[in-house]
Amino acid sequence: MAMGPMHMYVYFDETCAFVFKQFKTVVGDYGYFVLGCFCCLLYGIFHMLIPFLKDLYLKKKLKNSNQKYSRCPIDVKIILTIYYFAYTLSNFMLMMIMMTMNGWVLIATALGLTIGYFIFTFDKTLYELKGNHELCHS
């Protein structure tokens, strides 16, 4: 079954299917489209919150631990495994949002990621640039 070439263009229109076919807007649904873009912005912020929560948990858990250079406890490994699953799933959903190829959705998602980076990660980046490093990077 030959389908021919698939052209991928970024379009700026209010008709969009947000990841799933059920979450779509049609011509004239400006309110739902703006709501969908706002949800994409919030999802971008949430996506940057996930590693921040992991780092916060590790700092709290390993701060009180006497085993600074030994193996990580099993409960930390389980939490990090759950984190990795959630973050991988979040990356996949973020890719699906970006593949809508709608320019407004792309801008909203990128803006959400930028705001999330500024809120949650910017201080950590400055901290690491000064030569201060945490014990457990994952």
N, C-alpha and C. Protein backbone atom coordinates (compact mmCIF):
# COMPACT_ATOMS: atom_id res chain seq x y z
N MET A 1 0.84 -1.16 0.00
CA MET A 1 0.00 0.00 0.00
C MET A 1 0.89 1.24 0.00
N ALA A 2 1.07 1.83 -1.14
CA ALA A 2 1.90 3.02 -1.26
C ALA A 2 1.11 4.24 -0.83
N MET A 3 1.67 4.99 0.12
CA MET A 3 0.98 6.16 0.64
C MET A 3 1.57 7.45 0.09
N GLY A 4 2.70 7.37 -0.58
CA GLY A 4 3.31 8.58 -1.11
C GLY A 4 4.12 9.30 -0.05
N PRO A 5 4.72 10.41 -0.43
CA PRO A 5 5.56 11.13 0.53
C PRO A 5 4.72 11.82 1.60
N MET A 6 5.28 11.88 2.78
CA MET A 6 4.60 12.54 3.89
C MET A 6 5.31 13.86 4.16
N HIS A 7 4.63 14.93 3.96
CA HIS A 7 5.20 16.25 4.19
C HIS A 7 4.83 16.72 5.59
N MET A 8 5.82 17.19 6.32
CA MET A 8 5.57 17.68 7.67
C MET A 8 5.80 19.18 7.69
N TYR A 9 4.73 19.91 7.87
CA TYR A 9 4.78 21.36 7.93
C TYR A 9 4.24 21.81 9.28
N VAL A 10 4.81 22.86 9.80
CA VAL A 10 4.26 23.48 10.99
C VAL A 10 3.16 24.44 10.54
N TYR A 11 1.98 24.29 11.08
CA TYR A 11 0.87 25.15 10.70
C TYR A 11 0.36 25.89 11.94
N PHE A 12 -0.14 27.08 11.73
CA PHE A 12 -0.69 27.91 12.79
C PHE A 12 -2.20 28.02 12.57
N ASP A 13 -2.92 27.06 13.14
CA ASP A 13 -4.37 26.98 12.95
C ASP A 13 -4.98 26.48 14.25
N GLU A 14 -6.28 26.74 14.45
CA GLU A 14 -6.91 26.28 15.68
C GLU A 14 -7.40 24.84 15.58
N THR A 15 -7.31 24.22 14.41
CA THR A 15 -7.67 22.81 14.30
C THR A 15 -6.46 21.98 14.68
N CYS A 16 -6.61 21.17 15.71
CA CYS A 16 -5.47 20.42 16.22
C CYS A 16 -5.98 19.20 16.97
N ALA A 17 -5.25 18.10 16.86
CA ALA A 17 -5.51 16.91 17.67
C ALA A 17 -4.40 16.82 18.71
N PHE A 18 -4.73 17.11 19.95
CA PHE A 18 -3.74 17.08 21.03
C PHE A 18 -3.48 15.63 21.44
N VAL A 19 -2.44 15.04 20.92
CA VAL A 19 -1.94 13.69 21.22
C VAL A 19 -2.94 12.60 20.84
N PHE A 20 -4.17 12.65 21.32
CA PHE A 20 -5.16 11.63 21.03
C PHE A 20 -6.26 12.20 20.13
N LYS A 21 -6.91 11.34 19.37
CA LYS A 21 -7.97 11.80 18.47
C LYS A 21 -9.14 12.42 19.23
N GLN A 22 -9.38 11.96 20.45
CA GLN A 22 -10.51 12.48 21.23
C GLN A 22 -10.27 13.92 21.67
N PHE A 23 -9.01 14.33 21.80
CA PHE A 23 -8.68 15.69 22.23
C PHE A 23 -8.38 16.56 21.02
N LYS A 24 -9.38 16.79 20.22
CA LYS A 24 -9.15 17.60 19.02
C LYS A 24 -10.05 18.82 19.03
N THR A 25 -9.59 19.84 18.35
CA THR A 25 -10.39 21.05 18.18
C THR A 25 -10.64 21.24 16.69
N VAL A 26 -11.74 21.87 16.39
CA VAL A 26 -12.10 22.14 15.00
C VAL A 26 -12.20 23.65 14.81
N VAL A 27 -12.50 24.05 13.60
CA VAL A 27 -12.60 25.47 13.28
C VAL A 27 -13.66 26.12 14.18
N GLY A 28 -13.28 27.19 14.83
CA GLY A 28 -14.20 27.92 15.69
C GLY A 28 -14.10 27.56 17.17
N ASP A 29 -13.37 26.51 17.52
CA ASP A 29 -13.19 26.12 18.92
C ASP A 29 -12.00 26.85 19.54
N TYR A 30 -12.05 28.16 19.52
CA TYR A 30 -10.90 28.93 20.02
C TYR A 30 -10.69 28.74 21.52
N GLY A 31 -11.77 28.65 22.27
CA GLY A 31 -11.66 28.47 23.72
C GLY A 31 -10.98 27.16 24.08
N TYR A 32 -11.42 26.08 23.45
CA TYR A 32 -10.81 24.77 23.72
C TYR A 32 -9.36 24.72 23.24
N PHE A 33 -9.08 25.39 22.14
CA PHE A 33 -7.72 25.41 21.62
C PHE A 33 -6.79 26.15 22.58
N VAL A 34 -7.23 27.30 23.07
CA VAL A 34 -6.42 28.05 24.04
C VAL A 34 -6.26 27.24 25.32
N LEU A 35 -7.31 26.56 25.75
CA LEU A 35 -7.22 25.70 26.92
C LEU A 35 -6.22 24.57 26.69
N GLY A 36 -6.23 23.99 25.51
CA GLY A 36 -5.28 22.93 25.18
C GLY A 36 -3.84 23.45 25.17
N CYS A 37 -3.63 24.64 24.62
CA CYS A 37 -2.29 25.24 24.63
C CYS A 37 -1.84 25.54 26.06
N PHE A 38 -2.77 26.01 26.89
CA PHE A 38 -2.44 26.27 28.29
C PHE A 38 -2.08 24.98 29.02
N CYS A 39 -2.80 23.89 28.72
CA CYS A 39 -2.47 22.59 29.31
C CYS A 39 -1.09 22.12 28.85
N CYS A 40 -0.74 22.38 27.60
CA CYS A 40 0.60 22.03 27.12
C CYS A 40 1.67 22.85 27.83
N LEU A 41 1.39 24.10 28.10
CA LEU A 41 2.31 24.95 28.86
C LEU A 41 2.50 24.39 30.27
N LEU A 42 1.40 24.02 30.92
CA LEU A 42 1.49 23.44 32.26
C LEU A 42 2.21 22.10 32.24
N TYR A 43 2.01 21.31 31.19
CA TYR A 43 2.70 20.03 31.09
C TYR A 43 4.21 20.23 30.93
N GLY A 44 4.61 21.26 30.19
CA GLY A 44 6.03 21.56 30.07
C GLY A 44 6.64 21.92 31.42
N ILE A 45 5.91 22.70 32.22
CA ILE A 45 6.40 23.03 33.56
C ILE A 45 6.46 21.78 34.42
N PHE A 46 5.42 20.94 34.36
CA PHE A 46 5.40 19.69 35.13
C PHE A 46 6.55 18.77 34.72
N HIS A 47 6.87 18.75 33.44
CA HIS A 47 7.96 17.90 32.95
C HIS A 47 9.30 18.30 33.58
N MET A 48 9.51 19.59 33.78
CA MET A 48 10.74 20.05 34.42
C MET A 48 10.69 19.89 35.94
N LEU A 49 9.50 19.70 36.50
CA LEU A 49 9.36 19.48 37.93
C LEU A 49 9.81 18.07 38.33
N ILE A 50 9.66 17.11 37.46
CA ILE A 50 9.96 15.71 37.79
C ILE A 50 11.42 15.53 38.22
N PRO A 51 12.43 15.98 37.45
CA PRO A 51 13.81 15.82 37.93
C PRO A 51 14.11 16.65 39.18
N PHE A 52 13.44 17.78 39.32
CA PHE A 52 13.63 18.59 40.52
C PHE A 52 13.18 17.81 41.76
N LEU A 53 12.05 17.12 41.68
CA LEU A 53 11.56 16.33 42.80
C LEU A 53 12.50 15.16 43.10
N LYS A 54 13.07 14.57 42.05
CA LYS A 54 14.03 13.49 42.25
C LYS A 54 15.26 14.00 43.00
N ASP A 55 15.78 15.13 42.58
CA ASP A 55 16.96 15.70 43.24
C ASP A 55 16.65 16.08 44.69
N LEU A 56 15.46 16.61 44.91
CA LEU A 56 15.06 16.97 46.26
C LEU A 56 14.98 15.73 47.15
N TYR A 57 14.42 14.66 46.62
CA TYR A 57 14.33 13.41 47.37
C TYR A 57 15.71 12.85 47.68
N LEU A 58 16.61 12.86 46.68
CA LEU A 58 17.95 12.32 46.91
C LEU A 58 18.72 13.14 47.93
N LYS A 59 18.60 14.45 47.87
CA LYS A 59 19.28 15.29 48.85
C LYS A 59 18.78 15.00 50.25
N LYS A 60 17.46 14.87 50.38
CA LYS A 60 16.88 14.60 51.70
C LYS A 60 17.26 13.22 52.20
N LYS A 61 17.23 12.24 51.31
CA LYS A 61 17.49 10.85 51.72
C LYS A 61 18.97 10.62 52.01
N LEU A 62 19.85 11.16 51.17
CA LEU A 62 21.28 10.90 51.33
C LEU A 62 21.95 11.87 52.31
N LYS A 63 21.27 12.92 52.69
CA LYS A 63 21.83 13.88 53.64
C LYS A 63 21.99 13.25 55.01
N ASN A 64 21.02 12.44 55.40
CA ASN A 64 21.04 11.81 56.72
C ASN A 64 21.74 10.46 56.71
N SER A 65 22.22 10.04 55.56
CA SER A 65 22.84 8.72 55.45
C SER A 65 24.33 8.80 55.79
N ASN A 66 24.83 7.78 56.48
CA ASN A 66 26.26 7.70 56.80
C ASN A 66 27.04 7.01 55.69
N GLN A 67 26.34 6.38 54.76
CA GLN A 67 26.99 5.63 53.70
C GLN A 67 27.17 6.51 52.46
N LYS A 68 28.00 7.51 52.54
CA LYS A 68 28.09 8.47 51.45
C LYS A 68 28.69 7.89 50.18
N TYR A 69 29.61 6.98 50.28
CA TYR A 69 30.26 6.46 49.08
C TYR A 69 29.99 4.97 48.87
N SER A 70 29.06 4.41 49.61
CA SER A 70 28.73 3.00 49.42
C SER A 70 27.50 2.89 48.53
N ARG A 71 26.93 1.73 48.49
CA ARG A 71 25.79 1.48 47.62
C ARG A 71 24.54 2.20 48.11
N CYS A 72 23.67 2.50 47.17
CA CYS A 72 22.40 3.15 47.52
C CYS A 72 21.46 2.13 48.15
N PRO A 73 20.67 2.54 49.12
CA PRO A 73 19.69 1.63 49.73
C PRO A 73 18.63 1.20 48.72
N ILE A 74 17.98 0.09 49.00
CA ILE A 74 17.02 -0.50 48.08
C ILE A 74 15.80 0.42 47.88
N ASP A 75 15.37 1.12 48.93
CA ASP A 75 14.22 1.99 48.76
C ASP A 75 14.55 3.17 47.83
N VAL A 76 15.78 3.63 47.84
CA VAL A 76 16.20 4.69 46.93
C VAL A 76 16.22 4.16 45.50
N LYS A 77 16.69 2.93 45.33
CA LYS A 77 16.71 2.33 43.99
C LYS A 77 15.30 2.17 43.43
N ILE A 78 14.36 1.78 44.28
CA ILE A 78 12.98 1.61 43.84
C ILE A 78 12.38 2.96 43.44
N ILE A 79 12.61 3.97 44.25
CA ILE A 79 12.11 5.31 43.92
C ILE A 79 12.74 5.82 42.63
N LEU A 80 14.04 5.59 42.44
CA LEU A 80 14.70 6.03 41.21
C LEU A 80 14.20 5.27 39.99
N THR A 81 13.84 4.01 40.17
CA THR A 81 13.26 3.23 39.07
C THR A 81 11.89 3.77 38.68
N ILE A 82 11.08 4.09 39.69
CA ILE A 82 9.76 4.69 39.42
C ILE A 82 9.94 6.05 38.74
N TYR A 83 10.92 6.83 39.22
CA TYR A 83 11.21 8.12 38.60
C TYR A 83 11.59 7.94 37.13
N TYR A 84 12.47 6.99 36.85
CA TYR A 84 12.92 6.78 35.48
C TYR A 84 11.76 6.41 34.58
N PHE A 85 10.85 5.56 35.06
CA PHE A 85 9.67 5.19 34.28
C PHE A 85 8.80 6.42 34.01
N ALA A 86 8.53 7.21 35.05
CA ALA A 86 7.67 8.38 34.90
C ALA A 86 8.31 9.41 33.97
N TYR A 87 9.62 9.60 34.08
CA TYR A 87 10.29 10.59 33.26
C TYR A 87 10.37 10.13 31.80
N THR A 88 10.57 8.84 31.57
CA THR A 88 10.57 8.32 30.21
C THR A 88 9.19 8.46 29.59
N LEU A 89 8.16 8.14 30.34
CA LEU A 89 6.79 8.30 29.85
C LEU A 89 6.49 9.78 29.56
N SER A 90 6.97 10.65 30.42
CA SER A 90 6.77 12.08 30.21
C SER A 90 7.50 12.56 28.95
N ASN A 91 8.71 12.06 28.73
CA ASN A 91 9.45 12.41 27.50
C ASN A 91 8.69 11.96 26.26
N PHE A 92 8.11 10.76 26.33
CA PHE A 92 7.35 10.25 25.20
C PHE A 92 6.11 11.11 24.93
N MET A 93 5.40 11.48 26.00
CA MET A 93 4.22 12.32 25.83
C MET A 93 4.61 13.70 25.30
N LEU A 94 5.74 14.21 25.74
CA LEU A 94 6.21 15.50 25.25
C LEU A 94 6.53 15.43 23.76
N MET A 95 7.12 14.32 23.32
CA MET A 95 7.40 14.14 21.90
C MET A 95 6.09 14.09 21.10
N MET A 96 5.10 13.40 21.64
CA MET A 96 3.82 13.32 20.94
C MET A 96 3.14 14.69 20.84
N ILE A 97 3.27 15.50 21.89
CA ILE A 97 2.71 16.85 21.84
C ILE A 97 3.42 17.66 20.76
N MET A 98 4.73 17.56 20.70
CA MET A 98 5.48 18.33 19.71
C MET A 98 5.18 17.85 18.29
N MET A 99 4.84 16.59 18.12
CA MET A 99 4.57 16.04 16.79
C MET A 99 3.18 16.41 16.26
N THR A 100 2.42 17.19 17.01
CA THR A 100 1.17 17.68 16.45
C THR A 100 1.44 18.63 15.30
N MET A 101 2.64 19.20 15.26
CA MET A 101 3.09 20.11 14.21
C MET A 101 2.24 21.38 14.14
N ASN A 102 1.58 21.72 15.24
CA ASN A 102 0.85 22.98 15.31
C ASN A 102 1.78 24.00 15.96
N GLY A 103 1.97 25.12 15.31
CA GLY A 103 2.92 26.12 15.78
C GLY A 103 2.57 26.68 17.14
N TRP A 104 1.28 26.90 17.42
CA TRP A 104 0.89 27.45 18.71
C TRP A 104 1.14 26.44 19.83
N VAL A 105 0.91 25.18 19.56
CA VAL A 105 1.17 24.14 20.55
C VAL A 105 2.67 24.03 20.80
N LEU A 106 3.47 24.11 19.74
CA LEU A 106 4.93 24.07 19.90
C LEU A 106 5.42 25.23 20.75
N ILE A 107 4.90 26.42 20.48
CA ILE A 107 5.32 27.60 21.25
C ILE A 107 4.90 27.47 22.71
N ALA A 108 3.67 27.01 22.96
CA ALA A 108 3.18 26.86 24.33
C ALA A 108 4.00 25.83 25.09
N THR A 109 4.32 24.71 24.45
CA THR A 109 5.11 23.67 25.11
C THR A 109 6.52 24.15 25.38
N ALA A 110 7.14 24.79 24.40
CA ALA A 110 8.50 25.30 24.59
C ALA A 110 8.52 26.37 25.67
N LEU A 111 7.50 27.20 25.72
CA LEU A 111 7.42 28.21 26.77
C LEU A 111 7.27 27.57 28.15
N GLY A 112 6.45 26.52 28.23
CA GLY A 112 6.30 25.79 29.50
C GLY A 112 7.60 25.15 29.94
N LEU A 113 8.34 24.55 29.00
CA LEU A 113 9.63 23.96 29.34
C LEU A 113 10.62 25.03 29.80
N THR A 114 10.58 26.18 29.16
CA THR A 114 11.48 27.27 29.53
C THR A 114 11.14 27.81 30.91
N ILE A 115 9.87 27.99 31.19
CA ILE A 115 9.46 28.46 32.52
C ILE A 115 9.83 27.43 33.58
N GLY A 116 9.59 26.16 33.29
CA GLY A 116 9.96 25.10 34.23
C GLY A 116 11.45 25.03 34.47
N TYR A 117 12.24 25.21 33.42
CA TYR A 117 13.69 25.23 33.58
C TYR A 117 14.11 26.40 34.45
N PHE A 118 13.52 27.56 34.20
CA PHE A 118 13.88 28.74 34.97
C PHE A 118 13.52 28.58 36.45
N ILE A 119 12.36 27.98 36.73
CA ILE A 119 11.91 27.82 38.11
C ILE A 119 12.69 26.72 38.83
N PHE A 120 12.88 25.56 38.20
CA PHE A 120 13.37 24.39 38.91
C PHE A 120 14.84 24.05 38.67
N THR A 121 15.41 24.41 37.54
CA THR A 121 16.73 23.89 37.19
C THR A 121 17.80 24.96 37.11
N PHE A 122 17.45 26.19 36.96
CA PHE A 122 18.44 27.24 36.72
C PHE A 122 19.44 27.36 37.86
N ASP A 123 18.98 27.31 39.11
CA ASP A 123 19.89 27.40 40.26
C ASP A 123 20.82 26.20 40.33
N LYS A 124 20.32 25.03 39.97
CA LYS A 124 21.14 23.81 39.99
C LYS A 124 22.26 23.93 38.96
N THR A 125 21.95 24.47 37.79
CA THR A 125 22.97 24.64 36.76
C THR A 125 24.05 25.61 37.23
N LEU A 126 23.67 26.71 37.85
CA LEU A 126 24.67 27.65 38.38
C LEU A 126 25.50 27.01 39.48
N TYR A 127 24.86 26.19 40.32
CA TYR A 127 25.55 25.49 41.40
C TYR A 127 26.61 24.55 40.86
N GLU A 128 26.27 23.81 39.79
CA GLU A 128 27.22 22.88 39.20
C GLU A 128 28.32 23.59 38.43
N LEU A 129 28.04 24.75 37.85
CA LEU A 129 29.06 25.49 37.14
C LEU A 129 30.14 26.03 38.07
N LYS A 130 29.78 26.26 39.33
CA LYS A 130 30.75 26.75 40.31
C LYS A 130 31.66 25.64 40.82
N GLY A 131 31.45 24.41 40.39
CA GLY A 131 32.31 23.30 40.80
C GLY A 131 31.77 22.48 41.94
N ASN A 132 30.60 22.80 42.42
CA ASN A 132 29.99 22.02 43.49
C ASN A 132 29.16 20.91 42.86
N HIS A 133 29.44 19.69 43.21
CA HIS A 133 28.73 18.57 42.60
C HIS A 133 28.12 17.71 43.69
N GLU A 134 26.98 17.15 43.39
CA GLU A 134 26.33 16.25 44.32
C GLU A 134 27.01 14.89 44.27
N LEU A 135 26.75 14.07 45.28
CA LEU A 135 27.39 12.77 45.36
C LEU A 135 26.78 11.77 44.39
N CYS A 136 25.50 11.86 44.16
CA CYS A 136 24.80 10.83 43.40
C CYS A 136 24.13 11.47 42.19
N HIS A 137 24.71 11.36 41.02
CA HIS A 137 24.07 11.84 39.80
C HIS A 137 23.43 10.65 39.11
N SER A 138 22.21 10.81 38.70
CA SER A 138 21.56 9.72 37.97
C SER A 138 20.66 10.28 36.92
